[in-house]
Amino acid sequence: DLELHLQRCQQLSVTVLTDHQDLSNTELKTITSSTAPQQYRIRAKLRTYKPQKLHQSVKLHCSKCNSLQEVPDKDDFDSILRGSASNAPNRELHNTSWYESVTWTTQDRKQREIAIHFVKHDEMLQHPENTLLMIEGGTLKEIWKLSKRFKCVIPVRSTEDDLELLDLSAPFLIQGNVKYYGCKQCSTPKPMKNLSSIAAEQQPSWEPTEIAQVLGIELLQYVFIMKFTLVDETGALNAYLFDY
């Protein structure tokens, strides 16, 4: 709908882009020579807008360092998962006091070893819709299947001492259809055992912000960004849309 609206805006000779009816129209040359912040009402043509495809407008923003980055595509995630799957799970880290582990070997040519760790509450497994699980050695397809049934899925790998997050180029958490990312610059990833503090709560909610906090992750937010170039008889003005 927005793309159609923008196309119509380009076709119209003059477009009212803001609505302040109590203000008189201001020429663009006056706005560009004024100091911010000010409030204006303009009448202008829409010359161009970027990006041309709306899905490219969605970025990831870090509120701490104010950086913007592209949303990684599924091929990047798949590549990280494949690299992680080359290392077999450390069985000494299975079945701890706060999670229960299940392992199996796939029957395909590569015979991957997969481990899934189901986080417990009060030493009991929760219903799938309330369960957070961690997976080692899983593929993209397997992770999506799990995310449809369980509340939260965290891809991990094992070290000698603990489970840890993958490269932060990958989402650190999948909840339904939403992938959550952390800022590489501002995050200081902590071992997965820190999740046990949430599991010990009276009613673990497994909220992404709380998970990010205990794992030392600075959560990136999805933002919508566009750039519009507006023109009238007196000049041109670049206008930026930035919204969560």
Protein backbone atom coordinates (compact mmCIF):
# COMPACT_ATOMS: atom_id res chain seq x y z
CA ASP A 1 0.00 0.00 0.00
CA LEU A 2 2.78 2.43 0.88
CA GLU A 3 4.59 1.63 -2.37
CA LEU A 4 1.42 2.39 -4.36
CA HIS A 5 0.95 5.58 -2.37
CA LEU A 6 4.49 6.71 -3.14
CA GLN A 7 3.99 5.99 -6.83
CA ARG A 8 0.83 8.12 -6.80
CA CYS A 9 2.74 10.87 -4.99
CA GLN A 10 5.28 10.93 -7.79
CA GLN A 11 2.54 11.19 -10.40
CA LEU A 12 0.79 14.14 -8.76
CA SER A 13 2.08 17.58 -9.75
CA VAL A 14 1.81 18.87 -6.18
CA THR A 15 1.45 16.83 -3.01
CA VAL A 16 0.67 17.95 0.52
CA LEU A 17 3.10 15.92 2.61
CA THR A 18 2.28 17.35 6.06
CA ASP A 19 -0.97 18.43 7.60
CA HIS A 20 -0.40 21.47 9.84
CA GLN A 21 -3.45 23.43 8.67
CA ASP A 22 -2.77 26.22 11.16
CA LEU A 23 0.57 26.98 9.47
CA SER A 24 1.08 28.80 6.19
CA ASN A 25 3.16 27.16 3.47
CA THR A 26 6.92 27.67 3.67
CA GLU A 27 9.29 27.54 0.70
CA LEU A 28 11.99 24.87 0.82
CA LYS A 29 14.81 27.42 0.50
CA THR A 30 13.61 29.02 3.75
CA ILE A 31 13.62 25.66 5.52
CA THR A 32 17.12 24.72 4.34
CA SER A 33 18.52 28.04 5.58
CA SER A 34 16.80 27.83 8.99
CA THR A 35 18.15 26.32 12.20
CA ALA A 36 16.49 23.25 13.65
CA PRO A 37 14.17 22.44 15.28
CA GLN A 38 11.26 24.19 13.55
CA GLN A 39 7.81 23.16 12.41
CA TYR A 40 6.67 23.88 8.85
CA ARG A 41 3.92 23.13 6.42
CA ILE A 42 5.06 22.60 2.84
CA ARG A 43 3.70 21.96 -0.61
CA ALA A 44 6.21 20.06 -2.70
CA LYS A 45 6.72 17.42 -5.34
CA LEU A 46 8.19 14.05 -4.46
CA ARG A 47 11.16 13.70 -6.80
CA THR A 48 12.61 10.39 -5.55
CA TYR A 49 12.46 7.99 -2.67
CA LYS A 50 14.90 5.35 -1.45
CA PRO A 51 15.04 2.41 -1.18
CA GLN A 52 12.92 1.50 -4.17
CA LYS A 53 11.86 -1.84 -2.64
CA LEU A 54 10.13 -1.51 0.70
CA HIS A 55 11.62 -4.65 2.28
CA GLN A 56 15.02 -2.95 1.97
CA SER A 57 13.77 -0.22 4.31
CA VAL A 58 13.90 -2.53 7.33
CA LYS A 59 17.22 -2.26 9.21
CA LEU A 60 18.61 -3.22 12.61
CA HIS A 61 19.39 -0.36 14.99
CA CYS A 62 21.45 -0.30 18.19
CA SER A 63 20.19 2.35 20.60
CA LYS A 64 23.48 2.25 22.55
CA CYS A 65 26.02 2.99 19.79
CA ASN A 66 23.38 4.30 17.33
CA SER A 67 24.63 2.03 14.56
CA LEU A 68 22.52 0.72 11.69
CA GLN A 69 23.02 -2.55 9.87
CA GLU A 70 21.33 -4.67 7.25
CA VAL A 71 19.15 -7.55 8.40
CA PRO A 72 21.18 -10.72 7.65
CA ASP A 73 19.55 -13.01 5.11
CA LYS A 74 18.77 -16.67 5.72
CA ASP A 75 21.84 -17.79 3.74
CA ASP A 76 24.12 -16.08 6.29
CA PHE A 77 22.32 -17.83 9.14
CA ASP A 78 22.42 -21.17 7.32
CA SER A 79 26.17 -20.84 6.75
CA ILE A 80 26.83 -20.15 10.45
CA LEU A 81 24.69 -23.14 11.45
CA ARG A 82 26.55 -25.43 9.05
CA GLY A 83 29.88 -24.31 10.45
CA SER A 84 28.68 -24.92 14.00
CA ALA A 85 27.32 -28.39 13.13
CA SER A 86 30.83 -29.59 12.22
CA ASN A 87 31.65 -29.78 15.94
CA ALA A 88 30.01 -32.59 17.90
CA PRO A 89 28.09 -31.63 21.07
CA ASN A 90 30.00 -32.00 24.33
CA ARG A 91 28.11 -34.75 26.17
CA GLU A 92 29.60 -33.70 29.51
CA LEU A 93 27.36 -30.64 29.33
CA HIS A 94 24.13 -32.62 28.97
CA ASN A 95 21.33 -33.02 31.56
CA THR A 96 22.20 -30.40 34.13
CA SER A 97 20.12 -29.22 37.07
CA TRP A 98 18.33 -26.63 34.91
CA TYR A 99 17.94 -28.31 31.51
CA GLU A 100 17.25 -31.77 30.12
CA SER A 101 19.08 -32.94 27.00
CA VAL A 102 18.10 -35.17 24.08
CA THR A 103 20.56 -36.23 21.36
CA TRP A 104 20.36 -38.15 18.10
CA THR A 105 22.31 -38.68 14.90
CA THR A 106 20.70 -37.87 11.56
CA GLN A 107 20.36 -40.64 8.99
CA ASP A 108 21.57 -38.54 6.08
CA ARG A 109 24.98 -38.79 4.42
CA LYS A 110 26.65 -36.34 6.81
CA GLN A 111 25.22 -38.02 9.93
CA ARG A 112 25.02 -34.84 11.97
CA GLU A 113 24.81 -35.13 15.72
CA ILE A 114 22.06 -32.92 17.16
CA ALA A 115 21.48 -32.02 20.79
CA ILE A 116 18.43 -30.22 22.15
CA HIS A 117 18.47 -28.90 25.70
CA PHE A 118 15.02 -28.22 27.20
CA VAL A 119 15.15 -25.67 30.03
CA LYS A 120 13.28 -26.86 33.13
CA HIS A 121 11.29 -24.97 35.75
CA ASP A 122 11.10 -26.35 39.30
CA GLU A 123 12.94 -29.41 37.94
CA MET A 124 10.03 -30.05 35.58
CA LEU A 125 9.69 -29.64 31.83
CA GLN A 126 7.12 -27.00 30.86
CA HIS A 127 4.46 -27.14 28.18
CA PRO A 128 5.95 -26.50 24.70
CA GLU A 129 4.28 -23.08 24.41
CA ASN A 130 6.15 -22.01 27.58
CA THR A 131 9.45 -23.75 26.89
CA LEU A 132 12.82 -22.31 25.96
CA LEU A 133 15.19 -24.74 24.30
CA MET A 134 18.77 -24.59 23.07
CA ILE A 135 19.84 -26.53 19.98
CA GLU A 136 23.26 -27.69 18.80
CA GLY A 137 23.91 -28.91 15.27
CA GLY A 138 20.49 -28.02 13.88
CA THR A 139 19.78 -26.79 10.36
CA LEU A 140 17.69 -23.77 9.43
CA LYS A 141 14.75 -26.01 8.55
CA GLU A 142 14.92 -27.87 11.86
CA ILE A 143 15.10 -24.63 13.85
CA TRP A 144 12.02 -23.22 12.07
CA LYS A 145 10.08 -26.39 12.87
CA LEU A 146 11.01 -26.12 16.55
CA SER A 147 10.17 -22.40 16.69
CA LYS A 148 6.61 -23.15 15.54
CA ARG A 149 6.03 -25.47 18.48
CA PHE A 150 8.16 -24.08 21.32
CA LYS A 151 8.16 -20.56 22.72
CA CYS A 152 11.87 -19.77 22.30
CA VAL A 153 14.75 -21.38 20.41
CA ILE A 154 18.39 -20.44 20.96
CA PRO A 155 21.05 -21.89 18.61
CA VAL A 156 24.18 -22.75 20.63
CA ARG A 157 27.46 -24.63 20.47
CA SER A 158 29.37 -26.33 23.26
CA THR A 159 32.80 -25.54 24.61
CA GLU A 160 34.75 -27.48 27.21
CA ASP A 161 32.99 -25.70 30.05
CA ASP A 162 29.58 -24.48 28.91
CA LEU A 163 27.13 -23.85 26.10
CA GLU A 164 27.58 -20.55 24.28
CA LEU A 165 25.89 -18.44 21.63
CA LEU A 166 26.90 -18.62 17.99
CA ASP A 167 28.44 -15.73 16.06
CA LEU A 168 26.26 -12.63 16.60
CA SER A 169 25.79 -12.44 12.82
CA ALA A 170 23.19 -15.11 13.57
CA PRO A 171 20.07 -14.42 15.62
CA PHE A 172 20.68 -15.24 19.27
CA LEU A 173 16.98 -16.00 19.77
CA ILE A 174 14.08 -17.14 17.60
CA GLN A 175 10.56 -16.62 18.88
CA GLY A 176 7.86 -17.70 16.45
CA ASN A 177 8.62 -15.97 13.14
CA VAL A 178 10.76 -13.25 14.75
CA LYS A 179 14.55 -13.40 14.82
CA TYR A 180 16.33 -11.34 17.49
CA TYR A 181 19.86 -10.02 16.94
CA GLY A 182 22.53 -8.54 19.18
CA CYS A 183 24.95 -5.70 18.50
CA LYS A 184 28.45 -7.08 17.88
CA GLN A 185 30.06 -3.87 19.10
CA CYS A 186 28.10 -3.39 22.33
CA SER A 187 27.41 -6.98 23.41
CA THR A 188 29.55 -9.04 25.77
CA PRO A 189 28.08 -12.54 25.38
CA LYS A 190 27.89 -14.61 28.56
CA PRO A 191 27.60 -18.41 28.96
CA MET A 192 24.18 -20.00 28.67
CA LYS A 193 24.20 -20.98 32.38
CA ASN A 194 23.13 -17.38 33.06
CA LEU A 195 19.69 -18.36 31.74
CA SER A 196 19.20 -20.49 34.85
CA SER A 197 18.38 -17.31 36.79
CA ILE A 198 15.29 -16.77 34.60
CA ALA A 199 14.33 -20.46 34.83
CA ALA A 200 14.36 -20.09 38.61
CA GLU A 201 11.76 -17.28 38.55
CA GLN A 202 8.28 -18.04 39.80
CA GLN A 203 6.78 -17.71 36.32
CA PRO A 204 9.48 -17.48 33.63
CA SER A 205 8.18 -15.29 30.82
CA TRP A 206 11.18 -15.74 28.49
CA GLU A 207 10.89 -12.18 27.23
CA PRO A 208 13.57 -11.29 24.62
CA THR A 209 14.70 -8.20 26.57
CA GLU A 210 15.24 -10.21 29.75
CA ILE A 211 17.01 -13.03 27.89
CA ALA A 212 19.27 -10.49 26.17
CA GLN A 213 20.11 -8.83 29.49
CA VAL A 214 21.20 -12.01 31.30
CA LEU A 215 23.21 -13.15 28.26
CA GLY A 216 25.06 -9.83 27.97
CA ILE A 217 23.45 -8.96 24.64
CA GLU A 218 22.65 -5.41 23.53
CA LEU A 219 19.40 -6.05 21.69
CA LEU A 220 19.05 -4.64 18.18
CA GLN A 221 15.67 -3.21 17.21
CA TYR A 222 14.01 -3.45 13.83
CA VAL A 223 13.52 0.01 12.34
CA PHE A 224 11.90 1.34 9.17
CA ILE A 225 13.94 3.91 7.28
CA MET A 226 13.25 5.83 4.06
CA LYS A 227 14.69 8.89 2.35
CA PHE A 228 12.49 11.27 0.34
CA THR A 229 13.73 14.06 -1.91
CA LEU A 230 11.17 16.89 -2.05
CA VAL A 231 11.28 19.80 -4.49
CA ASP A 232 9.47 23.06 -5.13
CA GLU A 233 10.29 26.13 -7.25
CA THR A 234 12.85 27.33 -4.70
CA GLY A 235 14.96 24.27 -3.98
CA ALA A 236 15.21 20.66 -2.81
CA LEU A 237 15.03 19.04 0.61
CA ASN A 238 15.92 15.54 1.80
CA ALA A 239 13.46 14.17 4.34
CA TYR A 240 14.14 11.03 6.36
CA LEU A 241 11.61 8.66 7.92
CA PHE A 242 12.89 6.67 10.91
CA ASP A 243 10.44 4.63 12.95
CA TYR A 244 10.33 1.49 15.07
